[in-house]
Amino acid sequence: MYRPSRRTISPLFVCVNVCRVYRFSPLFHIHRSLTTTGIHSLSKTAEKEIERIVRTINDHPYPDQPLLPVLENQVQQSVISAAFVEQVLGKLFASHSNGLKAYEFFKCCLKHELYVPSSDAFEKTLHILARMRHFEKAWELMERIKQVHPLLLTLKSMSIMLSRIAKFQSYEDTIEAFDRMQGKIFTDKKFGTDEFNVLLRAFCTQRQMKEARSVFNKMYSQFLPNTKTMNILLLGFKESGDVTAVELFYHEMIRRGFKPNNVTYNIRIDAACKRGNFGDALRLYEAMESANCAPTLETITTLIHGAGLVGNTTKAKQFFDEISERSLQPDIGAYNALLSSIIRSKDFPASTALMEEMERRNIDPDNVTYHTMFWGLIRSRRADGVSLLYAKMVENNFVPKARTVVMLMKFFCENGMVDVGLDLWNFLSGKGQCPHSHALDILATGLCARGRVEEALECCKETLGKGRSVSEGVVQMLERILLEMKEEEKLEELQQLNSKLNK
């Protein structure tokens, strides 16, 4: 991990010296659990061991040097458990680590006879590989799991693989992958409506509605659809932003004899809220109750957010209060929806009070909470508020996700706070994270613009040394500056590191 020779900026120093908007879509994030750690409680010793292993993995110069022997030497059999492996993989997933490194770690754990992998660990590894387009390795992993732990092959793992293939490859490749799963991977299972729904969801998740509709029309008679099938397509039209298609397909659903359920109503309510027709959303809410479809926590959360979108914070608070009146318990999603509504009205004292209420109720802020607060503070040009919240986040050892890191890095570097940006980089590296490449682009550019080329170079070398690529733009920028500075040795070192990774 790179530490500059100057004193690293502390959160307290930040407080003293520096006085893509959250989009609510509760129905569509099918892999949300992959970004969270396991629910198992671990000892402080185990947590430290997890951080040590994550740092070891991220800092290792893979693929220049083999990683598996290092892991076999450093990962003690006594600490390997389902929870331990899940949390290591969860941190690697959240930090966008090199997918092949995560695979090496999972293979190392599989070698231990007493370790029985969980579906969560397998799915995280599969998702990390597929997300980085290592599809050959992902298929290899599925084949291996089929041989040793076939029960881990579930609809969720199928969904992970197909959605990534749909995103990065062609329509034909996705259909071929579905056929391959049916014929070679899930050989003990007869494919039916559930598997058909997974295939449809893969296209809908990527907002490829033309392809989804084609699959539906071609396979309708082979796999009898159910209400869930229709809701998947309805949701896909909603997420693609085609409001007309949402209503047209809803009426087609009714004509085909499918009865709408609370999920159907939730999708239509969310669609109305997204296009700013809060009145339509309220009418659908009333129709939902008239049809004896009990509103869920998700329904009310959607309406809270919808009220905020039209600037009706009073109505948002009324719906939030209605959660308890319906004997439901507000979760982090409901609090985030209300927080978003309050932030849009720029009532920062109220937003702070809401976060304090969450703390009293033992509801920990998640990345959406922090992202929403940072977004509001940045939009309102409250640099002091950003600094204070950043310091609190670091004090709480909370590691934000990539989009929040990029947003903060951009804010710091564009507002004369590049030292704080470097502090954020070091905080993430210290937690075993690999900051997103866009964050590195922003930080390296900011450092070079201030003549701090050596620090920018070290951040890039650190990234390359961890097996992560650096954008061509940043490499070219550093090459140009190093040539001007006549630093041929440093230029050659950078080029060698970059060429090794891109072989």
Protein backbone atom coordinates (compact mmCIF):
# COMPACT_ATOMS: atom_id res chain seq x y z
CA MET A 1 0.00 0.00 0.00
CA TYR A 2 1.35 3.42 -0.96
CA ARG A 3 1.94 5.90 1.82
CA PRO A 4 3.25 9.33 0.80
CA SER A 5 6.31 10.66 2.55
CA ARG A 6 4.34 13.66 3.75
CA ARG A 7 2.03 13.24 6.76
CA THR A 8 -1.19 11.49 5.66
CA ILE A 9 -4.26 13.61 6.25
CA SER A 10 -6.35 12.35 9.15
CA PRO A 11 -10.15 12.59 9.42
CA LEU A 12 -9.76 15.08 12.30
CA PHE A 13 -7.47 17.23 10.14
CA VAL A 14 -10.11 17.19 7.43
CA CYS A 15 -12.80 18.38 9.86
CA VAL A 16 -10.75 21.19 11.29
CA ASN A 17 -9.12 22.50 8.13
CA VAL A 18 -11.89 22.18 5.57
CA CYS A 19 -14.87 23.81 6.99
CA ARG A 20 -25.33 9.29 -10.69
CA VAL A 21 -28.11 10.26 -7.97
CA TYR A 22 -29.48 7.56 -5.74
CA ARG A 23 -32.15 5.98 -7.89
CA PHE A 24 -34.72 4.09 -5.83
CA SER A 25 -35.45 0.79 -7.50
CA PRO A 26 -36.12 -1.78 -4.79
CA LEU A 27 -37.40 -4.44 -7.15
CA PHE A 28 -34.60 -4.63 -9.66
CA HIS A 29 -31.32 -5.22 -7.81
CA ILE A 30 -31.30 -9.00 -8.09
CA HIS A 31 -27.71 -9.41 -6.87
CA ARG A 32 -27.78 -6.94 -3.99
CA SER A 33 -26.85 -9.58 -1.42
CA LEU A 34 -23.61 -10.26 -3.27
CA THR A 35 -22.21 -6.94 -2.15
CA THR A 36 -22.83 -7.52 1.53
CA THR A 37 -20.89 -9.63 3.96
CA GLY A 38 -22.35 -12.68 5.64
CA ILE A 39 -24.71 -12.40 8.56
CA HIS A 40 -22.52 -14.58 10.75
CA SER A 41 -20.83 -12.86 13.67
CA LEU A 42 -17.08 -13.26 13.80
CA SER A 43 -14.55 -12.52 16.52
CA LYS A 44 -12.26 -9.50 16.39
CA THR A 45 -9.37 -11.87 15.71
CA ALA A 46 -11.20 -13.37 12.74
CA GLU A 47 -12.05 -9.90 11.41
CA LYS A 48 -8.37 -8.91 11.55
CA GLU A 49 -7.45 -12.14 9.80
CA ILE A 50 -9.99 -11.39 7.07
CA GLU A 51 -8.49 -7.96 6.48
CA ARG A 52 -4.99 -9.46 6.41
CA ILE A 53 -5.95 -12.05 3.80
CA VAL A 54 -7.77 -9.46 1.68
CA ARG A 55 -4.68 -7.23 1.74
CA THR A 56 -2.46 -10.19 0.87
CA ILE A 57 -4.66 -11.01 -2.12
CA ASN A 58 -4.99 -7.45 -3.37
CA ASP A 59 -1.31 -6.59 -2.89
CA HIS A 60 -0.02 -9.74 -4.61
CA PRO A 61 1.50 -9.11 -8.09
CA TYR A 62 -0.76 -11.58 -9.86
CA PRO A 63 -0.52 -12.87 -12.59
CA ASP A 64 3.19 -12.03 -12.69
CA GLN A 65 3.68 -14.37 -9.72
CA PRO A 66 1.48 -17.34 -8.72
CA LEU A 67 -0.93 -16.59 -5.87
CA LEU A 68 -2.08 -20.08 -4.88
CA PRO A 69 1.18 -21.11 -3.09
CA VAL A 70 1.07 -17.89 -1.05
CA LEU A 71 -2.52 -18.53 -0.02
CA GLU A 72 -1.81 -22.16 0.85
CA ASN A 73 0.95 -20.92 3.16
CA GLN A 74 -0.95 -18.03 4.75
CA VAL A 75 -4.57 -19.22 5.00
CA GLN A 76 -4.63 -21.42 8.07
CA GLN A 77 -7.05 -24.32 8.08
CA SER A 78 -8.14 -23.46 11.60
CA VAL A 79 -9.69 -20.14 10.51
CA ILE A 80 -11.46 -21.42 7.40
CA SER A 81 -15.21 -21.45 7.87
CA ALA A 82 -18.25 -20.62 5.77
CA ALA A 83 -18.48 -17.15 7.33
CA PHE A 84 -14.74 -16.46 6.95
CA VAL A 85 -14.68 -17.34 3.24
CA GLU A 86 -17.90 -15.44 2.55
CA GLN A 87 -16.58 -12.27 4.13
CA VAL A 88 -13.22 -12.39 2.35
CA LEU A 89 -14.99 -12.87 -0.97
CA GLY A 90 -17.51 -10.17 -0.07
CA LYS A 91 -14.72 -7.65 0.46
CA LEU A 92 -13.03 -8.70 -2.77
CA PHE A 93 -16.34 -8.33 -4.61
CA ALA A 94 -17.10 -4.89 -3.17
CA SER A 95 -13.62 -3.60 -3.99
CA HIS A 96 -13.70 -4.78 -7.63
CA SER A 97 -10.65 -6.94 -7.04
CA ASN A 98 -9.10 -9.01 -9.81
CA GLY A 99 -11.59 -11.83 -10.41
CA LEU A 100 -8.88 -14.40 -11.02
CA LYS A 101 -7.41 -13.67 -7.59
CA ALA A 102 -10.77 -14.31 -5.93
CA TYR A 103 -11.00 -17.58 -7.85
CA GLU A 104 -7.55 -18.61 -6.61
CA PHE A 105 -8.65 -17.94 -3.03
CA PHE A 106 -11.84 -19.98 -3.45
CA LYS A 107 -9.90 -22.87 -5.00
CA CYS A 108 -7.44 -22.74 -2.11
CA CYS A 109 -10.30 -23.06 0.39
CA LEU A 110 -11.89 -25.93 -1.57
CA LYS A 111 -8.69 -27.94 -1.05
CA HIS A 112 -9.33 -28.13 2.69
CA GLU A 113 -11.25 -31.29 3.41
CA LEU A 114 -13.28 -29.88 6.30
CA TYR A 115 -14.46 -26.81 4.36
CA VAL A 116 -17.92 -27.09 2.85
CA PRO A 117 -18.56 -24.09 0.60
CA SER A 118 -21.78 -22.15 0.96
CA SER A 119 -23.93 -21.01 -1.94
CA ASP A 120 -23.01 -17.42 -1.00
CA ALA A 121 -19.27 -18.06 -1.43
CA PHE A 122 -19.75 -19.86 -4.73
CA GLU A 123 -22.06 -17.15 -6.08
CA LYS A 124 -19.70 -14.35 -5.08
CA THR A 125 -16.79 -16.06 -6.84
CA LEU A 126 -18.89 -16.73 -9.93
CA HIS A 127 -20.12 -13.14 -10.03
CA ILE A 128 -16.61 -11.69 -9.64
CA LEU A 129 -15.37 -13.80 -12.56
CA ALA A 130 -18.34 -13.09 -14.80
CA ARG A 131 -18.30 -9.37 -13.99
CA MET A 132 -14.72 -9.17 -15.25
CA ARG A 133 -15.64 -11.23 -18.34
CA HIS A 134 -13.57 -14.25 -17.35
CA PHE A 135 -16.27 -16.49 -18.78
CA GLU A 136 -14.02 -19.49 -19.45
CA LYS A 137 -13.02 -19.53 -15.78
CA ALA A 138 -16.64 -19.02 -14.73
CA TRP A 139 -17.72 -22.06 -16.77
CA GLU A 140 -14.78 -23.97 -15.31
CA LEU A 141 -15.99 -23.08 -11.81
CA MET A 142 -19.53 -24.22 -12.57
CA GLU A 143 -18.24 -27.52 -13.97
CA ARG A 144 -16.12 -28.05 -10.88
CA ILE A 145 -18.98 -27.29 -8.50
CA LYS A 146 -21.19 -29.67 -10.47
CA GLN A 147 -18.72 -32.47 -9.69
CA VAL A 148 -18.10 -31.81 -5.99
CA HIS A 149 -21.03 -29.73 -4.65
CA PRO A 150 -23.92 -29.95 -7.17
CA LEU A 151 -26.47 -28.62 -4.67
CA LEU A 152 -24.82 -25.19 -4.95
CA LEU A 153 -26.02 -24.91 -8.55
CA THR A 154 -29.17 -22.89 -8.08
CA LEU A 155 -31.39 -20.47 -9.98
CA LYS A 156 -29.38 -17.62 -8.48
CA SER A 157 -26.05 -18.87 -9.84
CA MET A 158 -27.73 -19.39 -13.22
CA SER A 159 -29.06 -15.83 -13.06
CA ILE A 160 -25.62 -14.39 -12.25
CA MET A 161 -24.01 -16.09 -15.22
CA LEU A 162 -26.74 -15.38 -17.76
CA SER A 163 -27.12 -11.71 -16.81
CA ARG A 164 -23.39 -11.09 -17.28
CA ILE A 165 -23.35 -12.90 -20.61
CA ALA A 166 -26.39 -10.90 -21.72
CA LYS A 167 -24.55 -7.71 -20.77
CA PHE A 168 -21.20 -8.41 -22.40
CA GLN A 169 -22.01 -10.82 -25.20
CA SER A 170 -24.64 -11.29 -27.88
CA TYR A 171 -28.22 -12.47 -27.83
CA GLU A 172 -27.14 -15.72 -29.49
CA ASP A 173 -24.39 -16.25 -26.89
CA THR A 174 -26.92 -15.86 -24.08
CA ILE A 175 -29.31 -18.41 -25.61
CA GLU A 176 -26.40 -20.77 -26.20
CA ALA A 177 -25.35 -20.38 -22.55
CA PHE A 178 -28.90 -21.22 -21.43
CA ASP A 179 -28.84 -24.37 -23.60
CA ARG A 180 -25.40 -25.28 -22.23
CA MET A 181 -26.67 -25.02 -18.68
CA GLN A 182 -29.66 -27.16 -19.54
CA GLY A 183 -27.62 -29.83 -21.30
CA LYS A 184 -24.30 -29.89 -19.42
CA ILE A 185 -24.45 -28.11 -16.07
CA PHE A 186 -27.89 -28.61 -14.53
CA THR A 187 -28.16 -32.16 -15.87
CA ASP A 188 -30.14 -33.48 -12.90
CA LYS A 189 -32.84 -30.85 -13.31
CA LYS A 190 -35.68 -30.57 -15.79
CA PHE A 191 -35.96 -26.98 -16.95
CA GLY A 192 -39.35 -25.35 -16.52
CA THR A 193 -40.97 -22.01 -15.84
CA ASP A 194 -38.47 -20.99 -13.13
CA GLU A 195 -35.50 -21.42 -15.46
CA PHE A 196 -37.40 -19.63 -18.25
CA ASN A 197 -37.94 -16.73 -15.85
CA VAL A 198 -34.20 -16.58 -15.12
CA LEU A 199 -33.44 -16.31 -18.84
CA LEU A 200 -35.99 -13.52 -19.26
CA ARG A 201 -34.63 -11.71 -16.24
CA ALA A 202 -31.11 -11.81 -17.71
CA PHE A 203 -32.26 -9.70 -20.66
CA CYS A 204 -34.57 -7.51 -18.58
CA THR A 205 -31.80 -6.75 -16.10
CA GLN A 206 -29.78 -5.32 -18.98
CA ARG A 207 -32.85 -3.46 -20.32
CA GLN A 208 -32.71 -5.52 -23.50
CA MET A 209 -36.46 -5.62 -23.92
CA LYS A 210 -36.49 -6.42 -27.63
CA GLU A 211 -34.48 -9.56 -26.87
CA ALA A 212 -36.60 -10.39 -23.82
CA ARG A 213 -39.79 -10.11 -25.84
CA SER A 214 -38.27 -12.31 -28.56
CA VAL A 215 -37.41 -15.02 -26.03
CA PHE A 216 -40.89 -14.78 -24.54
CA ASN A 217 -42.58 -15.19 -27.91
CA LYS A 218 -40.34 -18.07 -29.03
CA MET A 219 -40.44 -20.10 -25.79
CA TYR A 220 -43.93 -19.23 -24.55
CA SER A 221 -45.36 -22.61 -25.52
CA GLN A 222 -42.35 -24.60 -24.28
CA PHE A 223 -42.24 -23.04 -20.80
CA LEU A 224 -45.67 -22.07 -19.52
CA PRO A 225 -45.37 -18.55 -18.03
CA ASN A 226 -46.84 -17.54 -14.69
CA THR A 227 -47.56 -14.22 -12.99
CA LYS A 228 -43.90 -13.94 -12.01
CA THR A 229 -42.95 -14.21 -15.70
CA MET A 230 -45.23 -11.31 -16.56
CA ASN A 231 -43.94 -9.23 -13.64
CA ILE A 232 -40.34 -9.76 -14.78
CA LEU A 233 -41.20 -8.38 -18.22
CA LEU A 234 -43.29 -5.57 -16.74
CA LEU A 235 -40.37 -4.59 -14.52
CA GLY A 236 -38.01 -4.72 -17.47
CA PHE A 237 -40.16 -2.28 -19.43
CA LYS A 238 -40.32 -0.01 -16.41
CA GLU A 239 -36.56 -0.03 -15.87
CA SER A 240 -35.92 0.64 -19.55
CA GLY A 241 -37.91 3.85 -19.16
CA ASP A 242 -40.62 2.89 -21.65
CA VAL A 243 -43.69 4.16 -19.77
CA THR A 244 -46.06 3.38 -22.64
CA ALA A 245 -44.78 -0.20 -22.87
CA VAL A 246 -45.41 -0.67 -19.13
CA GLU A 247 -49.11 0.11 -19.48
CA LEU A 248 -49.48 -1.76 -22.77
CA PHE A 249 -47.89 -4.88 -21.35
CA TYR A 250 -49.96 -4.61 -18.18
CA HIS A 251 -53.14 -4.71 -20.26
CA GLU A 252 -51.72 -7.62 -22.28
CA MET A 253 -51.09 -9.41 -19.00
CA ILE A 254 -54.74 -8.95 -18.03
CA ARG A 255 -55.94 -10.10 -21.47
CA ARG A 256 -53.86 -13.27 -21.14
CA GLY A 257 -55.73 -14.06 -17.94
CA PHE A 258 -53.04 -13.27 -15.37
CA LYS A 259 -54.19 -11.67 -12.13
CA PRO A 260 -52.01 -8.79 -10.89
CA ASN A 261 -50.51 -9.18 -7.41
CA ASN A 262 -48.81 -6.73 -5.06
CA VAL A 263 -45.56 -7.00 -7.05
CA THR A 264 -47.45 -5.95 -10.18
CA TYR A 265 -48.90 -2.94 -8.39
CA ASN A 266 -45.53 -2.05 -6.89
CA ILE A 267 -43.96 -1.94 -10.35
CA ARG A 268 -46.73 0.27 -11.76
CA ILE A 269 -46.61 2.57 -8.71
CA ASP A 270 -42.85 2.91 -9.08
CA ALA A 271 -43.22 3.64 -12.81
CA ALA A 272 -45.73 6.40 -12.02
CA CYS A 273 -43.42 7.87 -9.38
CA LYS A 274 -40.42 7.79 -11.69
CA ARG A 275 -42.20 9.83 -14.34
CA GLY A 276 -43.38 12.35 -11.73
CA ASN A 277 -47.06 11.34 -11.77
CA PHE A 278 -47.45 11.02 -8.05
CA GLY A 279 -51.23 11.42 -8.36
CA ASP A 280 -51.36 8.31 -10.56
CA ALA A 281 -49.24 6.48 -8.01
CA LEU A 282 -51.72 7.35 -5.25
CA ARG A 283 -54.64 6.15 -7.38
CA LEU A 284 -52.85 2.86 -8.02
CA TYR A 285 -52.22 2.58 -4.29
CA GLU A 286 -55.95 2.91 -3.65
CA ALA A 287 -56.76 0.42 -6.42
CA MET A 288 -54.28 -2.00 -4.88
CA GLU A 289 -56.12 -1.97 -1.58
CA SER A 290 -59.49 -2.26 -3.34
CA ALA A 291 -58.20 -5.40 -5.09
CA ASN A 292 -57.32 -6.90 -1.67
CA CYS A 293 -53.59 -6.71 -2.41
CA ALA A 294 -52.11 -5.65 0.89
CA PRO A 295 -49.46 -2.91 0.49
CA THR A 296 -46.04 -4.10 1.54
CA LEU A 297 -43.12 -2.26 3.08
CA GLU A 298 -41.74 -2.04 -0.44
CA THR A 299 -44.94 -0.35 -1.66
CA ILE A 300 -44.82 2.32 1.01
CA THR A 301 -41.09 2.83 0.56
CA THR A 302 -41.70 3.44 -3.15
CA LEU A 303 -44.35 6.03 -2.32
CA ILE A 304 -42.04 7.77 0.16
CA HIS A 305 -39.45 8.14 -2.55
CA GLY A 306 -42.09 9.18 -5.09
CA ALA A 307 -43.31 11.94 -2.80
CA GLY A 308 -39.75 13.16 -2.49
CA LEU A 309 -39.31 13.25 -6.26
CA VAL A 310 -42.17 15.75 -6.58
CA GLY A 311 -40.96 17.75 -3.58
CA ASN A 312 -43.75 16.70 -1.22
CA THR A 313 -41.70 16.02 1.89
CA THR A 314 -44.79 16.25 4.12
CA LYS A 315 -46.43 13.37 2.26
CA ALA A 316 -43.20 11.40 2.39
CA LYS A 317 -43.16 11.71 6.18
CA GLN A 318 -46.85 10.73 6.37
CA PHE A 319 -46.15 7.54 4.43
CA PHE A 320 -43.13 6.82 6.62
CA ASP A 321 -45.36 7.09 9.71
CA GLU A 322 -47.86 4.79 8.02
CA ILE A 323 -45.31 1.97 8.13
CA SER A 324 -45.69 1.64 11.90
CA GLU A 325 -49.45 2.16 11.67
CA ARG A 326 -49.63 -0.93 9.46
CA SER A 327 -47.60 -2.90 12.05
CA LEU A 328 -44.60 -3.02 9.73
CA GLN A 329 -41.03 -2.28 10.71
CA PRO A 330 -39.09 0.37 8.74
CA ASP A 331 -35.84 -0.96 7.36
CA ILE A 332 -32.80 0.77 5.91
CA GLY A 333 -34.59 1.07 2.55
CA ALA A 334 -37.47 3.03 4.07
CA TYR A 335 -35.09 5.32 5.96
CA ASN A 336 -33.06 5.90 2.81
CA ALA A 337 -36.20 6.81 0.86
CA LEU A 338 -37.20 9.36 3.49
CA LEU A 339 -33.63 10.64 3.69
CA SER A 340 -33.61 11.13 -0.08
CA SER A 341 -36.85 13.13 0.16
CA ILE A 342 -35.45 15.33 2.92
CA ILE A 343 -32.14 15.86 1.11
CA ARG A 344 -33.99 16.99 -2.03
CA SER A 345 -35.65 19.68 0.05
CA LYS A 346 -32.18 20.69 1.35
CA ASP A 347 -33.30 20.31 4.97
CA PHE A 348 -29.92 19.18 6.26
CA PRO A 349 -30.75 19.52 9.99
CA ALA A 350 -33.67 17.12 9.42
CA SER A 351 -31.45 14.70 7.52
CA THR A 352 -28.92 14.72 10.37
CA ALA A 353 -31.72 14.11 12.87
CA LEU A 354 -32.96 11.17 10.78
CA MET A 355 -29.52 9.59 10.77
CA GLU A 356 -29.38 10.00 14.55
CA GLU A 357 -32.76 8.28 14.80
CA MET A 358 -31.41 5.40 12.73
CA GLU A 359 -28.49 5.13 15.11
CA ARG A 360 -30.83 5.01 18.12
CA ARG A 361 -32.80 2.22 16.46
CA ASN A 362 -29.61 0.30 15.66
CA ILE A 363 -30.14 0.63 11.91
CA ASP A 364 -26.67 1.04 10.45
CA PRO A 365 -26.29 3.40 7.48
CA ASP A 366 -25.42 1.62 4.25
CA ASN A 367 -23.80 2.86 1.09
CA VAL A 368 -27.08 4.37 -0.17
CA THR A 369 -27.35 6.38 3.05
CA TYR A 370 -23.87 7.83 2.69
CA HIS A 371 -24.20 8.31 -1.07
CA THR A 372 -27.49 10.19 -0.67
CA MET A 373 -26.05 12.46 2.02
CA PHE A 374 -22.84 13.14 0.09
CA TRP A 375 -24.80 13.83 -3.10
CA GLY A 376 -27.03 16.36 -1.33
CA LEU A 377 -24.13 18.10 0.39
CA ILE A 378 -22.07 18.26 -2.81
CA ARG A 379 -25.02 19.55 -4.84
CA SER A 380 -25.55 22.27 -2.23
CA ARG A 381 -21.83 23.12 -2.22
CA ARG A 382 -21.46 22.34 1.48
CA ALA A 383 -17.78 21.44 1.59
CA ASP A 384 -17.73 21.57 5.39
CA GLY A 385 -20.61 19.09 5.57
CA VAL A 386 -18.92 16.74 3.11
CA SER A 387 -15.72 16.84 5.17
CA LEU A 388 -17.51 16.17 8.45
CA LEU A 389 -19.50 13.26 7.01
CA TYR A 390 -16.39 11.87 5.36
CA ALA A 391 -14.57 11.98 8.70
CA LYS A 392 -17.48 10.19 10.39
CA MET A 393 -17.53 7.53 7.68
CA VAL A 394 -13.81 6.85 8.10
CA GLU A 395 -14.16 6.87 11.90
CA ASN A 396 -16.86 4.21 11.55
CA ASN A 397 -14.55 2.19 9.29
CA PHE A 398 -17.26 2.18 6.63
CA VAL A 399 -15.96 1.28 3.17
CA PRO A 400 -18.09 2.95 0.46
CA LYS A 401 -18.88 1.39 -2.89
CA ALA A 402 -17.32 2.41 -6.18
CA ARG A 403 -19.82 5.07 -7.26
CA THR A 404 -19.55 6.86 -3.91
CA VAL A 405 -15.74 6.68 -4.03
CA VAL A 406 -15.73 8.16 -7.54
CA MET A 407 -18.14 10.94 -6.52
CA LEU A 408 -16.03 11.85 -3.48
CA MET A 409 -12.75 11.68 -5.38
CA LYS A 410 -14.13 13.99 -8.04
CA PHE A 411 -15.37 16.45 -5.42
CA PHE A 412 -12.08 16.49 -3.50
CA CYS A 413 -9.87 16.86 -6.57
CA GLU A 414 -12.02 19.56 -8.17
CA ASN A 415 -12.21 21.62 -4.99
CA GLY A 416 -8.56 21.92 -4.03
CA MET A 417 -8.73 18.97 -1.61
CA VAL A 418 -6.46 16.52 -3.40
CA ASP A 419 -4.82 15.66 -0.07
CA VAL A 420 -8.18 14.39 1.16
CA GLY A 421 -8.54 12.44 -2.07
CA LEU A 422 -5.19 10.81 -1.36
CA ASP A 423 -6.32 10.13 2.19
CA LEU A 424 -9.41 8.36 0.81
CA TRP A 425 -7.17 6.30 -1.47
CA ASN A 426 -4.99 5.26 1.46
CA PHE A 427 -8.00 4.49 3.64
CA LEU A 428 -9.39 2.12 1.00
CA SER A 429 -6.00 0.52 0.38
CA GLY A 430 -5.56 0.04 4.11
CA LYS A 431 -8.84 -1.88 4.15
CA GLY A 432 -7.56 -4.19 1.44
CA GLN A 433 -9.65 -2.50 -1.26
CA CYS A 434 -8.78 -1.86 -4.90
CA PRO A 435 -10.34 1.54 -5.68
CA HIS A 436 -12.24 1.74 -8.94
CA SER A 437 -10.17 2.68 -12.01
CA HIS A 438 -12.22 5.85 -12.55
CA ALA A 439 -11.28 6.99 -9.04
CA LEU A 440 -7.62 6.44 -9.91
CA ASP A 441 -8.07 8.45 -13.13
CA ILE A 442 -9.42 11.40 -11.17
CA LEU A 443 -6.81 11.23 -8.40
CA ALA A 444 -3.84 10.76 -10.75
CA THR A 445 -5.00 13.66 -12.92
CA GLY A 446 -5.50 15.86 -9.86
CA LEU A 447 -2.06 15.04 -8.48
CA CYS A 448 -0.31 15.62 -11.82
CA ALA A 449 -2.12 18.93 -12.29
CA ARG A 450 -0.47 20.05 -9.05
CA GLY A 451 2.96 18.79 -9.98
CA ARG A 452 2.77 15.77 -7.68
CA VAL A 453 3.74 13.30 -10.37
CA GLU A 454 5.63 10.96 -8.04
CA GLU A 455 2.54 10.35 -5.92
CA ALA A 456 0.37 9.77 -9.00
CA LEU A 457 2.95 7.33 -10.32
CA GLU A 458 3.04 5.40 -7.02
CA CYS A 459 -0.77 5.07 -6.97
CA CYS A 460 -0.67 3.65 -10.51
CA LYS A 461 2.17 1.26 -9.67
CA GLU A 462 0.25 0.10 -6.60
CA THR A 463 -2.79 -0.62 -8.76
CA LEU A 464 -0.81 -2.45 -11.43
CA GLY A 465 1.00 -4.42 -8.74
CA LYS A 466 -2.37 -5.66 -7.50
CA GLY A 467 -3.26 -7.03 -10.90
CA ARG A 468 -5.64 -4.21 -11.79
CA SER A 469 -5.36 -2.27 -15.02
CA VAL A 470 -4.79 1.48 -15.31
CA SER A 471 -6.64 3.40 -18.02
CA GLU A 472 -4.78 4.13 -21.22
CA GLY A 473 -5.38 7.85 -20.73
CA VAL A 474 -3.59 7.94 -17.37
CA VAL A 475 -0.71 5.80 -18.64
CA GLN A 476 -0.24 8.12 -21.63
CA MET A 477 -0.41 11.19 -19.37
CA LEU A 478 2.30 9.81 -17.08
CA GLU A 479 4.45 8.70 -20.01
CA ARG A 480 4.31 12.20 -21.49
CA ILE A 481 5.16 13.89 -18.17
CA LEU A 482 7.98 11.46 -17.34
CA LEU A 483 9.50 12.02 -20.79
CA GLU A 484 9.40 15.77 -20.23
CA MET A 485 11.03 15.26 -16.81
CA LYS A 486 13.65 12.96 -18.40
CA GLU A 487 12.76 10.23 -15.88
CA GLU A 488 13.53 7.35 -18.26
CA GLU A 489 13.95 4.73 -15.50
CA LYS A 490 10.57 5.47 -13.94
CA LEU A 491 8.96 5.51 -17.37
CA GLU A 492 10.45 2.11 -18.20
CA GLU A 493 9.25 0.65 -14.88
CA LEU A 494 5.70 1.89 -15.53
CA GLN A 495 5.70 0.48 -19.06
CA GLN A 496 7.00 -2.89 -17.88
CA LEU A 497 4.32 -3.18 -15.19
CA ASN A 498 1.63 -2.21 -17.66
CA SER A 499 2.81 -4.59 -20.37
CA LYS A 500 3.00 -7.55 -17.96
CA LEU A 501 -0.61 -7.06 -16.92
CA ASN A 502 -1.86 -6.66 -20.48
CA LYS A 503 -0.14 -9.74 -21.91
